[in-house]
C-alpha atoms as a PDB file:
ATOM      1  CA  MET A   1       0.000   0.000   0.000  1.00  0.00           C
ATOM      2  CA  THR A   2       1.153   3.448  -0.771  1.00  0.00           C
ATOM      3  CA  ILE A   3       0.948   6.492   1.475  1.00  0.00           C
ATOM      4  CA  LYS A   4      -1.984   7.730  -0.553  1.00  0.00           C
ATOM      5  CA  ASP A   5      -3.893   4.513   0.213  1.00  0.00           C
ATOM      6  CA  TRP A   6      -3.137   4.839   3.928  1.00  0.00           C
ATOM      7  CA  ILE A   7      -4.470   8.426   3.922  1.00  0.00           C
ATOM      8  CA  TYR A   8      -7.671   7.323   2.171  1.00  0.00           C
ATOM      9  CA  LEU A   9      -8.087   4.455   4.622  1.00  0.00           C
ATOM     10  CA  SER A  10      -7.619   6.729   7.646  1.00  0.00           C
ATOM     11  CA  ILE A  11     -10.128   9.253   6.240  1.00  0.00           C
ATOM     12  CA  THR A  12     -12.660   6.466   5.693  1.00  0.00           C
ATOM     13  CA  ILE A  13     -12.207   5.089   9.223  1.00  0.00           C
ATOM     14  CA  ALA A  14     -12.460   8.602  10.722  1.00  0.00           C
ATOM     15  CA  SER A  15     -15.665   9.204   8.758  1.00  0.00           C
ATOM     16  CA  TYR A  16     -17.223   5.983  10.074  1.00  0.00           C
ATOM     17  CA  LEU A  17     -16.195   6.834  13.649  1.00  0.00           C
ATOM     18  CA  LEU A  18     -17.664  10.304  13.309  1.00  0.00           C
ATOM     19  CA  ALA A  19     -20.929   8.841  11.985  1.00  0.00           C
ATOM     20  CA  ILE A  20     -21.108   6.369  14.901  1.00  0.00           C
ATOM     21  CA  ILE A  21     -20.455   9.114  17.471  1.00  0.00           C
ATOM     22  CA  ALA A  22     -23.088  11.364  15.853  1.00  0.00           C
ATOM     23  CA  GLY A  23     -25.604   8.491  15.899  1.00  0.00           C
ATOM     24  CA  VAL A  24     -25.018   7.760  19.581  1.00  0.00           C
ATOM     25  CA  TYR A  25     -25.347  11.448  20.434  1.00  0.00           C
ATOM     26  CA  ALA A  26     -28.554  11.780  18.407  1.00  0.00           C
ATOM     27  CA  LYS A  27     -30.015   8.743  20.177  1.00  0.00           C
ATOM     28  CA  ASP A  28     -29.121  10.030  23.668  1.00  0.00           C
ATOM     29  CA  LYS A  29     -29.743  13.715  22.920  1.00  0.00           C
ATOM     30  CA  ALA A  30     -33.217  13.666  24.463  1.00  0.00           C
ATOM     31  CA  LYS A  31     -31.830  12.215  27.702  1.00  0.00           C
ATOM     32  CA  ILE A  32     -29.000  14.753  27.803  1.00  0.00           C
ATOM     33  CA  ASN A  33     -31.331  17.699  27.193  1.00  0.00           C
ATOM     34  CA  HIS A  34     -33.845  16.382  29.728  1.00  0.00           C
ATOM     35  CA  ALA A  35     -31.174  16.233  32.437  1.00  0.00           C
ATOM     36  CA  THR A  36     -30.054  19.744  31.605  1.00  0.00           C
ATOM     37  CA  ARG A  37     -33.606  21.087  31.624  1.00  0.00           C
ATOM     38  CA  ALA A  38     -34.312  19.401  34.953  1.00  0.00           C
ATOM     39  CA  GLY A  39     -31.228  20.993  36.489  1.00  0.00           C
ATOM     40  CA  GLN A  40     -32.196  24.386  35.134  1.00  0.00           C
ATOM     41  CA  ALA A  41     -35.736  23.980  36.476  1.00  0.00           C
ATOM     42  CA  LEU A  42     -34.381  23.144  39.937  1.00  0.00           C
ATOM     43  CA  ASP A  43     -32.116  26.190  39.845  1.00  0.00           C
ATOM     44  CA  VAL A  44     -35.063  28.392  38.935  1.00  0.00           C
ATOM     45  CA  LEU A  45     -37.136  26.745  41.674  1.00  0.00           C
ATOM     46  CA  GLY A  46     -34.455  27.525  44.262  1.00  0.00           C
ATOM     47  CA  LYS A  47     -34.182  31.162  43.214  1.00  0.00           C
ATOM     48  CA  LEU A  48     -37.951  31.621  43.215  1.00  0.00           C
ATOM     49  CA  ALA A  49     -38.143  30.000  46.648  1.00  0.00           C
ATOM     50  CA  SER A  50     -35.531  32.384  48.023  1.00  0.00           C
ATOM     51  CA  TYR A  51     -37.419  35.411  46.702  1.00  0.00           C
ATOM     52  CA  ALA A  52     -40.778  34.055  47.873  1.00  0.00           C
ATOM     53  CA  VAL A  53     -39.556  33.264  51.399  1.00  0.00           C
ATOM     54  CA  HIS A  54     -38.072  36.726  51.837  1.00  0.00           C
ATOM     55  CA  GLU A  55     -41.265  38.329  50.589  1.00  0.00           C
ATOM     56  CA  ALA A  56     -43.400  36.138  52.870  1.00  0.00           C
ATOM     57  CA  GLU A  57     -41.206  37.064  55.828  1.00  0.00           C
ATOM     58  CA  HIS A  58     -41.578  40.737  54.981  1.00  0.00           C
ATOM     59  CA  ILE A  59     -45.365  40.509  54.754  1.00  0.00           C
ATOM     60  CA  GLY A  60     -45.649  38.513  57.969  1.00  0.00           C
ATOM     61  CA  GLY A  61     -48.349  36.236  59.317  1.00  0.00           C
ATOM     62  CA  THR A  62     -48.289  32.788  60.849  1.00  0.00           C
ATOM     63  CA  GLY A  63     -45.882  30.129  59.659  1.00  0.00           C
ATOM     64  CA  GLN A  64     -48.557  28.302  57.677  1.00  0.00           C
ATOM     65  CA  GLU A  65     -49.736  31.537  56.023  1.00  0.00           C
ATOM     66  CA  LYS A  66     -46.150  32.371  55.033  1.00  0.00           C
ATOM     67  CA  ARG A  67     -45.643  28.871  53.604  1.00  0.00           C
ATOM     68  CA  GLU A  68     -48.856  29.057  51.557  1.00  0.00           C
ATOM     69  CA  PHE A  69     -47.970  32.533  50.317  1.00  0.00           C
ATOM     70  CA  ALA A  70     -44.465  31.425  49.294  1.00  0.00           C
ATOM     71  CA  SER A  71     -45.843  28.307  47.620  1.00  0.00           C
ATOM     72  CA  GLU A  72     -48.321  30.406  45.649  1.00  0.00           C
ATOM     73  CA  ILE A  73     -45.590  32.817  44.520  1.00  0.00           C
ATOM     74  CA  ILE A  74     -43.380  29.907  43.414  1.00  0.00           C
ATOM     75  CA  THR A  75     -46.220  28.209  41.545  1.00  0.00           C
ATOM     76  CA  GLN A  76     -47.106  31.439  39.732  1.00  0.00           C
ATOM     77  CA  GLY A  77     -43.460  32.096  38.880  1.00  0.00           C
ATOM     78  CA  LEU A  78     -42.951  28.599  37.500  1.00  0.00           C
ATOM     79  CA  ALA A  79     -46.131  28.886  35.424  1.00  0.00           C
ATOM     80  CA  TRP A  80     -45.026  32.266  34.088  1.00  0.00           C
ATOM     81  CA  LEU A  81     -41.653  30.792  33.085  1.00  0.00           C
ATOM     82  CA  GLY A  82     -43.363  27.827  31.404  1.00  0.00           C
ATOM     83  CA  ILE A  83     -42.071  25.194  33.822  1.00  0.00           C
ATOM     84  CA  LYS A  84     -44.807  22.643  34.398  1.00  0.00           C
ATOM     85  CA  ASN A  85     -45.353  19.504  36.465  1.00  0.00           C
ATOM     86  CA  VAL A  86     -43.113  20.426  39.395  1.00  0.00           C
ATOM     87  CA  ALA A  87     -43.888  18.161  42.330  1.00  0.00           C
ATOM     88  CA  PRO A  88     -45.336  19.844  45.439  1.00  0.00           C
ATOM     89  CA  ASN A  89     -42.651  18.095  47.504  1.00  0.00           C
ATOM     90  CA  ALA A  90     -39.980  19.842  45.441  1.00  0.00           C
ATOM     91  CA  VAL A  91     -41.648  23.203  46.100  1.00  0.00           C
ATOM     92  CA  ASN A  92     -41.888  22.476  49.842  1.00  0.00           C
ATOM     93  CA  GLY A  93     -38.272  21.337  49.927  1.00  0.00           C
ATOM     94  CA  ALA A  94     -37.147  24.503  48.158  1.00  0.00           C
ATOM     95  CA  ILE A  95     -39.115  26.590  50.663  1.00  0.00           C
ATOM     96  CA  GLU A  96     -37.503  24.760  53.599  1.00  0.00           C
ATOM     97  CA  LYS A  97     -34.042  25.217  52.115  1.00  0.00           C
ATOM     98  CA  ALA A  98     -34.664  28.930  51.541  1.00  0.00           C
ATOM     99  CA  VAL A  99     -36.006  29.381  55.084  1.00  0.00           C
ATOM    100  CA  ASN A 100     -32.962  27.634  56.563  1.00  0.00           C
ATOM    101  CA  ALA A 101     -30.605  29.753  54.443  1.00  0.00           C
ATOM    102  CA  MET A 102     -32.424  32.925  55.487  1.00  0.00           C
ATOM    103  CA  ASN A 103     -32.300  31.955  59.175  1.00  0.00           C
ATOM    104  CA  ILE A 104     -28.591  31.181  58.990  1.00  0.00           C
ATOM    105  CA  ALA A 105     -27.927  34.477  57.218  1.00  0.00           C
ATOM    106  CA  ASN A 106     -29.944  36.402  59.816  1.00  0.00           C
ATOM    107  CA  GLN A 107     -28.178  34.737  62.758  1.00  0.00           C
ATOM    108  CA  ASP A 108     -24.959  36.614  62.135  1.00  0.00           C
ATOM    109  CA  VAL A 109     -26.605  40.007  61.817  1.00  0.00           C
ATOM    110  CA  LYS A 110     -27.268  41.574  65.190  1.00  0.00           C
ATOM    111  CA  PRO A 111     -27.886  45.250  65.756  1.00  0.00           C
ATOM    112  CA  VAL A 112     -24.998  46.919  67.520  1.00  0.00           C
ATOM    113  CA  GLU A 113     -25.780  49.488  70.165  1.00  0.00           C
ATOM    114  CA  PRO A 114     -23.248  52.303  70.296  1.00  0.00           C
ATOM    115  CA  GLU A 115     -21.371  52.467  73.549  1.00  0.00           C
ATOM    116  CA  ILE A 116     -21.753  55.751  75.376  1.00  0.00           C
ATOM    117  CA  ALA A 117     -19.403  56.327  78.244  1.00  0.00           C
ATOM    118  CA  GLU A 118     -20.820  57.968  81.366  1.00  0.00           C
ATOM    119  CA  ASN A 119     -17.745  59.715  82.742  1.00  0.00           C
ATOM    120  CA  VAL A 120     -15.457  61.025  80.032  1.00  0.00           C
ATOM    121  CA  PRO A 121     -12.546  63.279  81.011  1.00  0.00           C
ATOM    122  CA  GLU A 122     -12.864  66.818  79.724  1.00  0.00           C
ATOM    123  CA  LYS A 123      -9.671  66.532  77.683  1.00  0.00           C
ATOM    124  CA  ASP A 124     -11.113  63.588  75.718  1.00  0.00           C
ATOM    125  CA  ILE A 125     -14.276  65.390  74.643  1.00  0.00           C
ATOM    126  CA  VAL A 126     -14.035  66.709  71.118  1.00  0.00           C
ATOM    127  CA  GLN A 127     -15.359  70.217  70.814  1.00  0.00           C
ATOM    128  CA  PRO A 128     -16.535  71.649  67.513  1.00  0.00           C
ATOM    129  CA  GLU A 129     -14.254  74.273  66.127  1.00  0.00           C
ATOM    130  CA  ALA A 130     -15.572  77.781  65.621  1.00  0.00           C
ATOM    131  CA  PRO A 131     -15.973  78.618  61.942  1.00  0.00           C
ATOM    132  CA  THR A 132     -13.296  80.905  60.589  1.00  0.00           C
ATOM    133  CA  PRO A 133     -14.648  84.302  59.602  1.00  0.00           C
ATOM    134  CA  GLU A 134     -14.765  84.886  55.895  1.00  0.00           C
ATOM    135  CA  ALA A 135     -12.953  87.840  54.389  1.00  0.00           C
ATOM    136  CA  PRO A 136     -15.300  90.472  52.985  1.00  0.00           C
ATOM    137  CA  THR A 137     -15.642  90.218  49.260  1.00  0.00           C
ATOM    138  CA  LYS A 138     -14.991  93.175  47.036  1.00  0.00           C
ATOM    139  CA  ASP A 139     -17.551  94.004  44.384  1.00  0.00           C
ATOM    140  CA  VAL A 140     -15.695  94.444  41.115  1.00  0.00           C
ATOM    141  CA  THR A 141     -17.461  96.036  38.196  1.00  0.00           C
ATOM    142  CA  VAL A 142     -16.238  96.895  34.732  1.00  0.00           C
ATOM    143  CA  ASN A 143     -15.660 100.606  33.859  1.00  0.00           C
ATOM    144  CA  GLY A 144     -16.600 101.754  37.340  1.00  0.00           C
ATOM    145  CA  ASN A 145     -20.290 100.950  36.984  1.00  0.00           C
END
């Protein structure tokens, strides 16, 4: 065999391999896209749950009222985005996760009261400085007018 024959043979084998790989991908494409869409739907669900839980906390009410309000917001958001058939357990789980994240985030934030000392020595008290007097301005006109 000549070098030209080897090149033709390698091109033919590469073409067959490419066709086989494309066929396998085309067959499994629906599964690959479904997994990607499911992951994207769960990401959207988590973000909606975070927003809904914060809004429910802001509005107030009992725990059950907040949960129902958040669930309604999530359901409306998913419908608006065209995501259908999300299990109620997934919505409840997303709400629980968002509530736990919000509680953990709020644990670290505590209002700090400024410390005011009762007996401060006179030398440590900062006094405001008197404003410096401004020099009078001279009215300058053109041609003495």
